Protein backbone atom coordinates (compact mmCIF):
# COMPACT_ATOMS: atom_id res chain seq x y z
CA MET A 1 -20.39 -22.61 -2.58
CA GLN A 2 -20.25 -23.35 0.88
CA GLN A 3 -22.73 -20.71 2.86
CA ALA A 4 -21.17 -18.36 5.78
CA GLN A 5 -21.70 -19.91 9.19
CA VAL A 6 -25.06 -18.36 10.76
CA LEU A 7 -23.90 -16.51 13.87
CA ILE A 8 -26.08 -13.72 14.19
CA ASP A 9 -30.02 -14.40 14.39
CA GLU A 10 -32.06 -11.95 12.19
CA ALA A 11 -33.61 -10.40 15.28
CA ALA A 12 -30.13 -8.96 16.34
CA ILE A 13 -29.39 -7.98 12.95
CA GLN A 14 -33.00 -6.38 12.18
CA GLU A 15 -32.21 -4.37 15.61
CA LEU A 16 -28.59 -2.91 13.93
CA GLY A 17 -30.54 -1.90 10.70
CA ALA A 18 -33.19 -0.07 12.53
CA SER A 19 -30.26 2.80 13.31
CA PHE A 20 -27.77 1.92 10.13
CA GLY A 21 -27.21 4.26 7.80
CA GLY A 22 -25.87 2.09 5.08
CA GLU A 23 -26.11 -1.44 4.12
CA LEU A 24 -25.88 -4.65 5.58
CA LEU A 25 -25.70 -7.82 3.47
CA GLN A 26 -25.59 -11.35 4.13
CA SER A 27 -24.67 -14.41 2.40
CA GLN A 28 -28.23 -14.04 0.14
CA HIS A 29 -27.78 -10.60 -0.82
CA HIS A 30 -27.42 -9.79 -4.63
CA ASP A 31 -24.28 -7.78 -3.83
CA TYR A 32 -22.85 -9.65 -1.32
CA ASP A 33 -20.23 -11.61 -3.64
CA THR A 34 -18.92 -8.27 -5.06
CA ALA A 35 -18.97 -6.64 -1.77
CA ARG A 36 -16.50 -9.53 -0.07
CA ALA A 37 -14.33 -9.55 -3.11
CA VAL A 38 -10.87 -7.72 -2.71
CA PHE A 39 -7.96 -6.94 -4.97
CA ASN A 40 -5.84 -10.47 -3.86
CA GLY A 41 -7.86 -13.04 -6.05
CA MET A 42 -6.55 -15.67 -3.47
CA ILE A 43 -9.18 -13.93 -0.85
CA ASP A 44 -11.98 -15.93 -0.54
CA ARG A 45 -13.81 -15.47 2.82
CA ARG A 46 -17.32 -15.08 3.66
CA PRO A 47 -18.31 -12.64 6.49
CA ALA A 48 -21.48 -13.34 8.40
CA VAL A 49 -22.69 -9.81 7.53
CA ILE A 50 -20.76 -6.61 5.67
CA ALA A 51 -21.67 -3.37 7.64
CA ARG A 52 -21.37 -1.18 4.43
CA CYS A 53 -20.74 2.08 6.39
CA SER A 54 -22.32 5.88 5.35
CA GLY A 55 -20.28 7.55 8.17
CA VAL A 56 -18.96 7.66 11.65
CA ALA A 57 -22.38 6.76 13.43
CA ASP A 58 -22.01 3.52 11.18
CA VAL A 59 -18.87 2.56 12.02
CA ILE A 60 -19.26 2.88 16.08
CA ALA A 61 -22.63 0.93 15.55
CA ALA A 62 -20.75 -2.01 13.63
CA VAL A 63 -17.84 -2.13 16.47
CA ASN A 64 -20.14 -1.88 19.21
CA PHE A 65 -22.59 -4.97 17.41
CA ALA A 66 -19.86 -6.99 16.93
CA ARG A 67 -17.40 -6.47 20.06
CA GLU A 68 -20.98 -7.55 21.99
CA ARG A 69 -20.96 -10.48 20.68
CA ASP A 70 -17.70 -11.59 20.29
CA LEU A 71 -17.47 -11.33 16.69
CA VAL A 72 -14.41 -11.30 14.76
CA ILE A 73 -13.87 -7.78 12.97
CA SER A 74 -12.43 -7.11 9.66
CA VAL A 75 -12.02 -3.42 8.09
CA ARG A 76 -12.47 -2.88 4.66
CA GLY A 77 -10.97 0.59 2.71
CA GLY A 78 -9.73 0.32 -0.67
CA GLY A 79 -9.33 -3.79 -0.33
CA HIS A 80 -5.56 -3.85 -1.67
CA GLY A 81 -4.23 -5.38 1.69
CA VAL A 82 -2.67 -8.73 -0.23
CA PRO A 83 -2.95 -10.87 2.99
CA GLY A 84 -7.06 -10.03 2.76
CA TYR A 85 -7.64 -8.63 6.17
CA ALA A 86 -10.47 -6.64 4.54
CA VAL A 87 -12.38 -9.94 4.71
CA CYS A 88 -13.00 -12.36 7.81
CA ASP A 89 -15.03 -15.60 7.85
CA ASP A 90 -18.17 -15.78 10.15
CA GLY A 91 -17.41 -12.33 11.38
CA VAL A 92 -18.42 -8.46 10.68
CA MET A 93 -16.74 -6.77 8.09
CA ILE A 94 -16.87 -3.16 8.15
CA ASP A 95 -16.62 -1.85 5.01
CA LEU A 96 -15.89 2.15 4.73
CA SER A 97 -15.69 1.73 0.89
CA PRO A 98 -18.70 4.13 0.90
CA MET A 99 -17.38 6.54 2.77
CA LYS A 100 -16.15 8.69 -0.41
CA GLY A 101 -16.02 12.89 1.27
CA ILE A 102 -12.90 14.70 0.25
CA TRP A 103 -12.52 18.23 1.05
CA ILE A 104 -9.96 20.39 0.11
CA ASP A 105 -9.06 23.78 0.94
CA PRO A 106 -6.37 25.17 -1.54
CA GLU A 107 -5.34 28.58 0.73
CA THR A 108 -4.23 26.59 3.98
CA LYS A 109 -3.11 23.70 1.56
CA VAL A 110 -5.11 20.89 3.66
CA ALA A 111 -6.92 18.62 2.65
CA ARG A 112 -9.40 16.21 4.94
CA ALA A 113 -10.96 12.79 3.33
CA GLN A 114 -12.75 10.04 4.45
CA ALA A 115 -11.34 6.43 4.83
CA GLY A 116 -12.91 4.86 1.56
CA VAL A 117 -11.64 7.37 -1.07
CA THR A 118 -8.92 5.50 -3.12
CA TRP A 119 -6.01 7.63 -4.35
CA GLY A 120 -7.38 7.98 -7.78
CA GLU A 121 -10.13 10.01 -6.34
CA PHE A 122 -7.59 11.95 -3.85
CA ASP A 123 -5.12 12.81 -6.58
CA ARG A 124 -8.55 13.73 -8.92
CA GLU A 125 -9.38 16.27 -6.37
CA THR A 126 -5.59 17.61 -4.92
CA GLN A 127 -4.37 17.97 -8.33
CA GLN A 128 -7.19 20.89 -9.48
CA PHE A 129 -5.33 23.16 -7.40
CA GLY A 130 -2.03 21.98 -8.12
CA LEU A 131 -1.02 20.02 -4.73
CA ALA A 132 -0.53 16.39 -3.82
CA VAL A 133 0.61 14.13 -0.98
CA THR A 134 2.49 10.83 -1.94
CA GLY A 135 -0.07 8.27 -2.87
CA GLY A 136 -0.03 4.84 -3.83
CA ARG A 137 0.92 3.78 -7.25
CA VAL A 138 -2.09 1.94 -8.20
CA PRO A 139 -5.42 4.17 -8.42
CA SER A 140 -7.68 2.15 -7.08
CA THR A 141 -5.63 1.87 -3.90
CA GLY A 142 -7.41 3.05 -0.80
CA ILE A 143 -5.68 5.77 1.18
CA ALA A 144 -6.50 4.50 4.45
CA GLY A 145 -4.29 1.45 4.67
CA LEU A 146 -1.74 2.57 2.42
CA THR A 147 -1.28 5.73 5.06
CA LEU A 148 -1.14 3.77 8.18
CA GLY A 149 0.98 0.97 6.74
CA SER A 150 3.54 2.99 5.04
CA GLY A 151 2.57 5.12 2.33
CA SER A 152 5.14 4.58 -0.41
CA GLY A 153 4.45 6.01 -3.88
CA TRP A 154 6.57 7.62 -6.73
CA ILE A 155 7.05 11.27 -5.02
CA GLU A 156 7.97 9.57 -1.88
CA ARG A 157 11.93 10.82 -2.38
CA LYS A 158 10.28 14.60 -2.96
CA LEU A 159 7.31 14.97 -0.39
CA GLY A 160 8.05 12.36 2.00
CA LEU A 161 5.87 8.95 3.04
CA THR A 162 2.24 9.58 3.22
CA VAL A 163 1.99 9.41 6.65
CA ASP A 164 5.08 12.30 7.10
CA SER A 165 2.09 14.45 5.71
CA LEU A 166 -0.53 13.10 8.01
CA ILE A 167 -1.96 15.94 10.47
CA SER A 168 -4.33 14.21 12.31
CA ALA A 169 -7.08 11.23 12.07
CA ASP A 170 -10.54 10.83 13.45
CA VAL A 171 -10.33 7.19 14.64
CA VAL A 172 -13.14 5.08 16.35
CA THR A 173 -11.33 2.72 19.11
CA ALA A 174 -12.57 -0.85 20.10
CA ASP A 175 -14.48 0.38 23.10
CA GLY A 176 -16.77 2.82 20.59
CA ARG A 177 -15.43 5.86 21.55
CA PHE A 178 -14.74 8.59 18.70
CA LEU A 179 -11.46 10.23 19.04
CA THR A 180 -9.30 12.60 17.26
CA ALA A 181 -5.66 11.85 17.04
CA SER A 182 -2.64 14.28 16.55
CA GLU A 183 0.07 15.90 17.87
CA ASP A 184 -1.65 17.88 20.07
CA GLU A 185 -4.39 15.57 20.96
CA ASN A 186 -4.19 11.93 21.64
CA ALA A 187 -0.76 12.02 20.72
CA ASP A 188 0.09 8.74 21.53
CA LEU A 189 -2.35 7.22 19.44
CA PHE A 190 -1.25 9.52 16.84
CA TRP A 191 2.29 8.13 16.83
CA GLY A 192 1.27 4.41 16.79
CA LEU A 193 -1.12 5.07 13.75
CA ARG A 194 1.44 6.48 11.61
CA GLY A 195 2.84 2.79 11.10
CA GLY A 196 0.71 0.71 13.26
CA SER A 197 -1.58 -0.60 10.57
CA GLY A 198 -5.38 -0.68 11.73
CA ASN A 199 -3.77 -2.03 15.71
CA PHE A 200 -5.39 0.73 17.53
CA GLY A 201 -8.91 1.90 15.93
CA ILE A 202 -10.85 2.54 12.44
CA VAL A 203 -9.50 5.78 11.34
CA THR A 204 -12.41 7.07 9.50
CA SER A 205 -11.07 10.32 7.99
CA PHE A 206 -7.67 11.41 7.54
CA GLU A 207 -6.36 15.19 7.15
CA PHE A 208 -3.06 15.75 5.33
CA GLU A 209 -1.08 18.56 4.52
CA LEU A 210 -0.84 19.34 0.94
CA HIS A 211 2.26 20.34 -1.12
CA ASP A 212 2.50 22.37 -4.46
CA PHE A 213 3.05 19.46 -7.04
CA GLY A 214 2.34 18.88 -10.80
CA PRO A 215 0.23 18.89 -12.51
CA ILE A 216 2.51 18.15 -15.16
CA VAL A 217 5.59 16.01 -14.39
CA TYR A 218 8.65 14.93 -16.41
CA GLY A 219 7.97 11.31 -16.21
CA GLY A 220 6.97 7.86 -17.95
CA LEU A 221 8.67 4.64 -18.79
CA LEU A 222 11.92 3.65 -20.32
CA ALA A 223 11.97 -0.48 -21.04
CA PHE A 224 15.02 -2.12 -22.01
CA PRO A 225 15.89 -5.94 -22.67
CA ARG A 226 16.26 -8.03 -19.69
CA PRO A 227 19.96 -8.86 -20.53
CA ALA A 228 20.43 -5.07 -19.88
CA ALA A 229 19.34 -5.74 -16.16
CA GLY A 230 22.81 -5.73 -14.52
CA GLU A 231 24.19 -2.62 -16.42
CA LEU A 232 21.00 -0.71 -15.98
CA THR A 233 20.69 -0.99 -12.12
CA ARG A 234 24.37 -0.41 -11.69
CA VAL A 235 24.08 2.71 -13.63
CA VAL A 236 20.68 3.53 -11.68
CA ARG A 237 22.60 2.95 -8.82
CA GLY A 238 25.35 5.45 -9.58
CA VAL A 239 22.95 8.22 -10.35
CA MET A 240 21.01 7.75 -7.23
CA GLU A 241 24.20 8.18 -4.82
CA ASP A 242 23.60 11.71 -5.01
CA ALA A 243 20.57 12.47 -6.58
CA PRO A 244 18.19 15.45 -6.14
CA ASP A 245 14.91 14.56 -4.46
CA ASP A 246 13.07 15.84 -7.35
CA LEU A 247 14.12 12.75 -9.30
CA ALA A 248 12.74 9.45 -8.40
CA VAL A 249 13.52 6.31 -10.85
CA ASN A 250 12.24 2.57 -9.86
CA ILE A 251 13.81 -0.32 -11.24
CA ALA A 252 10.77 -2.72 -12.50
CA PHE A 253 11.39 -6.34 -13.71
CA ILE A 254 8.70 -6.87 -15.85
CA THR A 255 7.42 -9.17 -18.96
CA ALA A 256 6.66 -6.43 -21.55
CA PRO A 257 2.76 -6.29 -22.57
CA PRO A 258 1.24 -7.23 -25.83
CA GLU A 259 0.29 -3.55 -26.13
CA PRO A 260 0.37 -1.36 -29.50
CA PHE A 261 3.21 1.01 -27.92
CA VAL A 262 5.64 -1.62 -27.10
CA PRO A 263 7.79 -2.42 -30.34
CA GLU A 264 6.62 -6.07 -32.11
CA GLU A 265 9.72 -7.64 -31.25
CA ALA A 266 9.96 -6.74 -27.57
CA ARG A 267 5.94 -7.67 -27.01
CA GLY A 268 5.70 -10.93 -24.12
CA GLN A 269 9.53 -10.89 -23.58
CA PRO A 270 10.87 -10.29 -20.47
CA ALA A 271 12.30 -6.70 -19.94
CA VAL A 272 13.49 -4.88 -17.15
CA GLY A 273 11.75 -0.83 -17.22
CA LEU A 274 12.27 2.24 -15.16
CA VAL A 275 9.49 4.15 -13.85
CA ILE A 276 10.65 7.92 -13.98
CA CYS A 277 9.74 10.83 -12.02
CA TRP A 278 11.41 14.16 -12.27
CA SER A 279 9.11 16.91 -10.41
CA GLY A 280 12.01 19.73 -10.76
CA ASP A 281 12.25 22.04 -13.73
CA MET A 282 11.01 20.79 -16.43
CA ALA A 283 13.68 21.96 -18.82
CA GLU A 284 16.07 19.79 -16.77
CA GLY A 285 14.12 16.86 -17.52
CA GLU A 286 16.04 15.68 -20.49
CA GLN A 287 19.14 16.03 -18.76
CA MET A 288 18.46 13.90 -15.75
CA VAL A 289 16.86 11.13 -17.82
CA LYS A 290 20.03 11.17 -20.67
CA PRO A 291 22.24 8.42 -18.54
CA PHE A 292 19.82 6.03 -19.05
CA ARG A 293 18.40 6.54 -22.34
CA ASP A 294 21.93 6.42 -23.58
CA LEU A 295 21.82 2.90 -22.99
CA GLY A 296 19.24 2.63 -25.37
CA PRO A 297 15.79 1.78 -24.60
CA VAL A 298 13.58 0.02 -27.10
CA LEU A 299 10.50 1.96 -25.36
CA ASP A 300 10.75 5.56 -24.31
CA ILE A 301 7.95 7.01 -22.74
CA VAL A 302 9.09 9.50 -20.91
CA GLY A 303 8.36 13.15 -20.90
CA PRO A 304 6.02 16.23 -19.83
CA ILE A 305 3.12 14.10 -18.45
CA PRO A 306 0.16 14.72 -15.84
CA TYR A 307 0.73 13.32 -12.70
CA ALA A 308 -2.55 12.40 -12.07
CA GLN A 309 -3.75 10.48 -15.01
CA GLY A 310 -0.20 9.80 -16.47
CA LEU A 311 2.66 8.73 -13.78
CA GLN A 312 -0.38 7.42 -11.56
CA ARG A 313 -1.95 5.42 -13.80
CA LEU A 314 1.67 3.96 -15.37
CA ILE A 315 1.25 0.26 -13.94
CA GLU A 316 -2.31 0.32 -13.49
CA PRO A 317 -3.17 -1.99 -16.65
CA GLY A 318 -0.70 -4.67 -14.93
CA ASN A 319 -2.07 -4.48 -11.72
CA GLN A 320 -5.84 -5.83 -12.00
CA HIS A 321 -8.17 -6.55 -9.42
CA GLY A 322 -8.72 -10.19 -8.95
CA LEU A 323 -5.51 -11.72 -9.88
CA LEU A 324 -3.93 -14.02 -7.44
CA ASN A 325 -0.98 -12.61 -5.58
CA TYR A 326 1.47 -13.59 -3.29
CA TRP A 327 4.50 -10.51 -2.02
CA LYS A 328 7.54 -10.32 -0.40
CA ALA A 329 9.66 -7.17 0.46
CA ASP A 330 12.98 -6.22 2.13
CA PHE A 331 15.18 -3.18 2.47
CA LEU A 332 18.77 -2.94 1.74
CA ASP A 333 21.32 -0.85 3.10
CA GLU A 334 23.28 -0.78 0.01
CA LEU A 335 22.49 -2.20 -3.73
CA THR A 336 26.00 -3.87 -4.30
CA ASP A 337 26.82 -5.90 -7.31
CA GLU A 338 26.21 -9.29 -5.29
CA ALA A 339 22.96 -8.33 -4.62
CA ILE A 340 22.22 -7.04 -7.90
CA ASP A 341 23.65 -10.27 -9.62
CA THR A 342 21.37 -12.46 -7.10
CA LEU A 343 18.34 -10.54 -7.63
CA ILE A 344 18.82 -10.89 -11.63
CA GLU A 345 19.30 -14.45 -10.91
CA GLN A 346 16.09 -14.65 -8.96
CA VAL A 347 13.88 -12.68 -11.35
CA ASN A 348 14.85 -14.62 -14.35
CA LYS A 349 13.63 -17.83 -12.79
CA ALA A 350 9.96 -16.40 -12.41
CA GLN A 351 7.03 -18.36 -14.89
CA SER A 352 4.15 -16.27 -14.47
CA PRO A 353 4.39 -13.15 -17.10
CA LEU A 354 2.32 -11.35 -14.71
CA THR A 355 5.16 -11.20 -12.27
CA GLN A 356 6.83 -8.09 -10.89
CA VAL A 357 9.65 -6.88 -9.04
CA ILE A 358 10.08 -3.23 -8.02
CA VAL A 359 13.70 -2.17 -6.69
CA GLU A 360 13.25 1.40 -5.10
CA PRO A 361 15.94 4.23 -4.38
CA LEU A 362 15.04 5.52 -0.95
CA GLY A 363 16.30 8.69 0.52
CA GLY A 364 15.71 12.14 0.20
CA ALA A 365 12.67 13.42 2.15
CA ILE A 366 12.12 9.76 3.75
CA ALA A 367 15.40 9.87 5.28
CA ARG A 368 15.26 13.47 6.83
CA VAL A 369 12.43 12.23 9.43
CA ASP A 370 13.64 11.34 12.91
CA GLU A 371 13.23 7.48 13.40
CA ASP A 372 11.38 7.98 16.68
CA ALA A 373 8.81 10.59 14.97
CA MET A 374 6.05 7.43 14.91
CA ALA A 375 5.85 3.96 14.98
CA LEU A 376 6.74 3.66 11.07
CA GLY A 377 10.67 3.21 10.97
CA ASN A 378 13.43 1.82 8.73
CA ARG A 379 13.91 5.72 7.44
CA GLN A 380 17.73 5.17 6.44
CA ALA A 381 17.28 2.35 4.22
CA ALA A 382 18.81 3.08 0.97
CA TYR A 383 16.52 0.58 -0.69
CA ALA A 384 13.78 -1.36 -0.85
CA TYR A 385 12.66 -4.57 -3.05
CA HIS A 386 9.61 -5.62 -3.38
CA CYS A 387 8.22 -9.21 -5.24
CA ILE A 388 5.08 -8.82 -6.61
CA ALA A 389 4.42 -12.71 -7.77
CA MET A 390 1.16 -12.60 -9.78
CA TRP A 391 -0.71 -15.33 -11.56
CA GLN A 392 -3.80 -16.83 -12.78
CA ASP A 393 -4.56 -20.24 -12.79
CA PRO A 394 -4.83 -21.47 -9.17
CA SER A 395 -3.27 -24.87 -9.75
CA GLU A 396 0.08 -23.03 -10.67
CA SER A 397 -0.29 -21.49 -6.99
CA ASP A 398 2.15 -23.46 -5.22
CA THR A 399 5.07 -22.67 -8.38
CA HIS A 400 4.46 -19.15 -7.86
CA ILE A 401 4.39 -18.31 -4.10
CA GLY A 402 7.68 -20.83 -4.14
CA TRP A 403 9.54 -18.75 -6.55
CA ALA A 404 8.60 -15.39 -4.41
CA LYS A 405 10.03 -17.38 -1.46
CA ASP A 406 12.78 -18.25 -2.92
CA LEU A 407 13.98 -15.07 -3.91
CA ALA A 408 13.23 -13.86 -0.74
CA ALA A 409 15.76 -16.61 0.92
CA ALA A 410 18.63 -15.70 -1.56
CA MET A 411 18.35 -11.81 -0.84
CA ASP A 412 18.30 -12.46 2.82
CA ARG A 413 21.91 -11.79 3.77
CA PHE A 414 21.76 -8.60 1.73
CA ALA A 415 18.45 -7.41 3.64
CA VAL A 416 18.23 -5.59 6.98
CA PRO A 417 15.45 -5.95 9.49
CA GLY A 418 12.41 -4.48 9.03
CA VAL A 419 9.99 -3.93 5.92
CA TYR A 420 6.98 -1.96 4.62
CA LEU A 421 4.55 -4.51 5.95
CA ASN A 422 1.80 -3.48 3.27
CA TYR A 423 4.58 -5.17 1.01
CA THR A 424 4.52 -8.68 2.13
CA SER A 425 1.99 -11.68 2.38
CA ASP A 426 3.56 -12.39 5.68
CA GLN A 427 1.88 -9.86 8.28
CA GLU A 428 1.08 -12.87 10.27
CA GLN A 429 4.25 -14.01 11.40
CA ASP A 430 4.99 -12.40 14.51
CA GLN A 431 8.58 -12.39 13.99
CA ARG A 432 8.40 -10.52 11.03
CA VAL A 433 6.22 -7.64 13.14
CA ARG A 434 8.50 -7.94 15.77
CA SER A 435 11.52 -7.14 13.53
CA THR A 436 9.58 -4.52 11.26
CA TYR A 437 9.13 -2.43 14.53
CA GLY A 438 12.18 -3.35 16.36
CA PRO A 439 12.90 -1.20 19.66
CA LYS A 440 9.71 0.18 19.14
CA TYR A 441 7.36 -2.61 19.38
CA GLU A 442 7.46 -2.84 23.45
CA ARG A 443 5.63 0.78 22.83
CA MET A 444 3.50 -0.38 20.57
CA VAL A 445 2.36 -3.39 23.00
CA ALA A 446 1.99 -0.57 25.86
CA LEU A 447 -0.61 1.41 23.18
CA LYS A 448 -2.32 -2.01 22.53
CA ASP A 449 -3.04 -2.19 25.88
CA LYS A 450 -4.62 1.34 26.45
CA TYR A 451 -6.85 1.56 23.32
CA ASP A 452 -7.48 -2.26 22.43
CA PRO A 453 -6.43 -4.51 25.20
CA GLU A 454 -8.99 -7.38 23.83
CA ASN A 455 -7.39 -7.46 20.61
CA VAL A 456 -10.45 -6.57 18.96
CA PHE A 457 -8.60 -5.28 15.84
CA CYS A 458 -6.74 -8.29 15.27
CA LEU A 459 -6.89 -8.76 11.39
CA ASN A 460 -3.92 -6.73 10.77
CA ALA A 461 -0.14 -6.85 10.85
CA ASN A 462 -1.01 -7.97 14.61
CA ILE A 463 0.38 -6.26 17.69
CA LYS A 464 -0.40 -8.16 20.21
CA PRO A 465 -1.49 -6.86 23.68
CA SER A 466 0.37 -8.19 26.83
CA GLY A 467 -2.52 -10.18 28.01
CA HIS A 468 -2.78 -12.29 24.62
């Protein structure tokens, strides 16, 4: 295997290591390959050094070290970002994953968590007290990337996006300063962080407002044969037009897994599922699900389940670390009959049984946040679709990437500008980034000019400073 280009002399590494609390890994280290591996198996990059940080002092030291030597910086939290920005070639990978501190105050309903925490870890702590904030749909997703890039999850209609519950963030800036950003302190930075991804600094910890939620919800999965997709999607559309915030119903185009809980005749067959979460009165749950049950699912595992260990782990088996991934996504103002038929036609052309397409009805608490409250926008979009091409054989990459691109092209006429940038592999496309932020883009550039004028933090859905 090709070795990383040597850009840093050993004396410089030793100088950094003398005051570094965590580990510094180079290519010869036995943990190097494990540390550089991320969720998307397509990513195979080799940093010159991986700085596994134990705390804020390590983050500051690593930023200063890289900036002073003009080395590219990548930042890893959970490592789930599909473009693989967590890993760089030949530069300094600042790895926050060892930073796992979580502090819960059940009286004030506030949580503080360091940037290496995953949603599975966060949910475990908050649900101990019957508290929650909207979190990722796969437990190994990091809180950092999800919070900064969107914050979508099963309970977003009830509690809003993750960023809507963010109270403050501790940030290391490009010049090595340590700042706190909130509505009252560095408010411009706080505005930009909420949706601006990693453009303005490295967030080392997050403070969240928590909400009473769980620990039991009425939810799970209903699955139907794929030919039922058109009727099922239209029923979901009708139900969700005036559904209470407590109801979340995500449509999932999948291949039924070869698991014992799946009827034998359905295993390995194209299916359409409904991932359901009803967070209202438990006695009402069965009534809320009845319109979907009346359509005759071949699999029904909906009922009272734990939020953290049930609903939040529901799709974990189908989203394993190391598979090859290519994603596309868009917002839709409405789900017309033509859009439904077009989506189903394209989904049915998928050639990988691992591939998934998710349709999310939005609205609820998401839409009640002012469009200008933060960098993240598109609050009034009615739906989002998320096309997740997944496969195992690298020789098939062109086929599956081409399918995802064709699906997005076919759906383009129904889409509105913008996207949850966390949902797409195309974050490097300047026009895609500009259209996502729309009229806010120039305000984002001004923030970049103030906090990162040299574009030190460039491996992200990049907002280029005006000098670049």
